[in-house]
Amino acid sequence: MSVSNMSCSLCCLDIDQCACPELDDNLKKIVFTKGNKVMVKWCAACDKHFARCKCKYPEFKLIAGGEEVDASKGFLTADGKRIFVDLSRR
């Protein structure tokens, strides 16, 4: 079972199953490009997307445009519901 709904555009596998050598670098470029609005759960310990992290003790953070996003108050969906991102586990 995949832990992410993202897939590699080269091999079409879910990113936690992908073995393409450039995937980690490509994901890092997306997440750390200034001004990019894509928000991703990222492990600060191994510097990888959460689905590719193999850390025993991961340090998950939300990153967008190269900066950490404060997730403590949650986020509002389009229908007004408040959701919280679980940064404690994959």
Protein backbone atom coordinates (compact mmCIF):
# COMPACT_ATOMS: atom_id res chain seq x y z
CA MET A 1 0.00 0.00 0.00
CA SER A 2 1.34 3.40 -0.97
CA VAL A 3 1.74 6.11 1.67
CA SER A 4 1.51 8.90 -0.90
CA ASN A 5 -0.70 9.68 -3.86
CA MET A 6 2.30 10.91 -5.87
CA SER A 7 3.93 8.86 -8.61
CA CYS A 8 7.14 9.14 -10.61
CA SER A 9 6.61 10.57 -14.11
CA LEU A 10 9.37 8.31 -15.52
CA CYS A 11 8.51 4.84 -14.20
CA CYS A 12 4.90 5.59 -13.13
CA LEU A 13 5.39 3.84 -9.77
CA ASP A 14 4.32 5.45 -6.51
CA ILE A 15 7.23 7.49 -5.18
CA ASP A 16 7.74 5.18 -2.20
CA GLN A 17 8.31 2.31 -4.70
CA CYS A 18 10.29 4.24 -7.34
CA ALA A 19 13.97 3.37 -7.87
CA CYS A 20 14.78 6.12 -10.40
CA PRO A 21 18.12 7.65 -9.35
CA GLU A 22 17.06 11.27 -9.92
CA LEU A 23 13.73 11.17 -8.03
CA ASP A 24 15.04 12.46 -4.68
CA ASP A 25 16.81 15.39 -6.37
CA ASN A 26 13.73 16.20 -8.45
CA LEU A 27 11.46 16.16 -5.40
CA LYS A 28 13.90 18.38 -3.52
CA LYS A 29 13.90 20.92 -6.39
CA ILE A 30 10.09 21.07 -6.29
CA VAL A 31 9.89 21.48 -2.52
CA PHE A 32 12.71 24.00 -2.14
CA THR A 33 12.04 26.28 -5.12
CA LYS A 34 11.25 29.74 -3.77
CA GLY A 35 7.72 30.83 -4.55
CA ASN A 36 6.48 27.30 -5.22
CA LYS A 37 3.10 26.73 -3.58
CA VAL A 38 3.35 22.93 -3.44
CA MET A 39 3.24 21.85 0.22
CA VAL A 40 4.95 18.57 1.08
CA LYS A 41 5.61 16.57 4.25
CA TRP A 42 9.41 16.37 4.40
CA CYS A 43 11.86 14.64 6.75
CA ALA A 44 14.44 17.09 8.07
CA ALA A 45 16.58 14.23 9.39
CA CYS A 46 17.28 12.52 6.03
CA ASP A 47 16.23 15.42 3.74
CA LYS A 48 13.69 13.32 1.79
CA HIS A 49 9.98 13.26 1.01
CA PHE A 50 8.15 11.49 3.85
CA ALA A 51 7.21 8.54 1.63
CA ARG A 52 10.89 7.90 0.86
CA CYS A 53 12.14 8.41 4.42
CA LYS A 54 13.57 5.33 6.13
CA CYS A 55 14.57 7.06 9.38
CA LYS A 56 13.96 5.24 12.64
CA TYR A 57 13.17 8.63 14.22
CA PRO A 58 11.95 10.92 11.42
CA GLU A 59 11.60 14.68 11.85
CA PHE A 60 8.63 15.51 9.64
CA LYS A 61 7.86 19.10 8.70
CA LEU A 62 5.61 20.74 6.13
CA ILE A 63 7.63 22.60 3.51
CA ALA A 64 6.44 24.92 0.73
CA GLY A 65 8.61 27.19 -1.35
CA GLY A 66 11.66 26.14 0.64
CA GLU A 67 10.22 27.30 3.96
CA GLU A 68 8.63 25.48 6.86
CA VAL A 69 4.86 25.92 7.08
CA ASP A 70 3.23 26.25 10.49
CA ALA A 71 0.74 23.38 10.73
CA SER A 72 -0.20 23.86 14.39
CA LYS A 73 -3.60 25.45 13.65
CA GLY A 74 -4.44 23.10 10.80
CA PHE A 75 -5.78 24.09 7.40
CA LEU A 76 -9.24 24.92 6.07
CA THR A 77 -10.61 22.89 3.19
CA ALA A 78 -12.74 24.45 0.45
CA ASP A 79 -15.89 23.41 2.32
CA GLY A 80 -14.73 25.05 5.57
CA LYS A 81 -13.61 21.97 7.48
CA ARG A 82 -10.39 22.17 9.49
CA ILE A 83 -7.88 19.39 8.89
CA PHE A 84 -4.59 18.64 10.65
CA VAL A 85 -1.52 17.01 9.13
CA ASP A 86 -0.08 14.19 11.22
CA LEU A 87 3.63 14.98 11.42
CA SER A 88 4.33 12.18 13.88
CA ARG A 89 4.12 9.26 11.43
CA ARG A 90 4.16 8.28 7.78
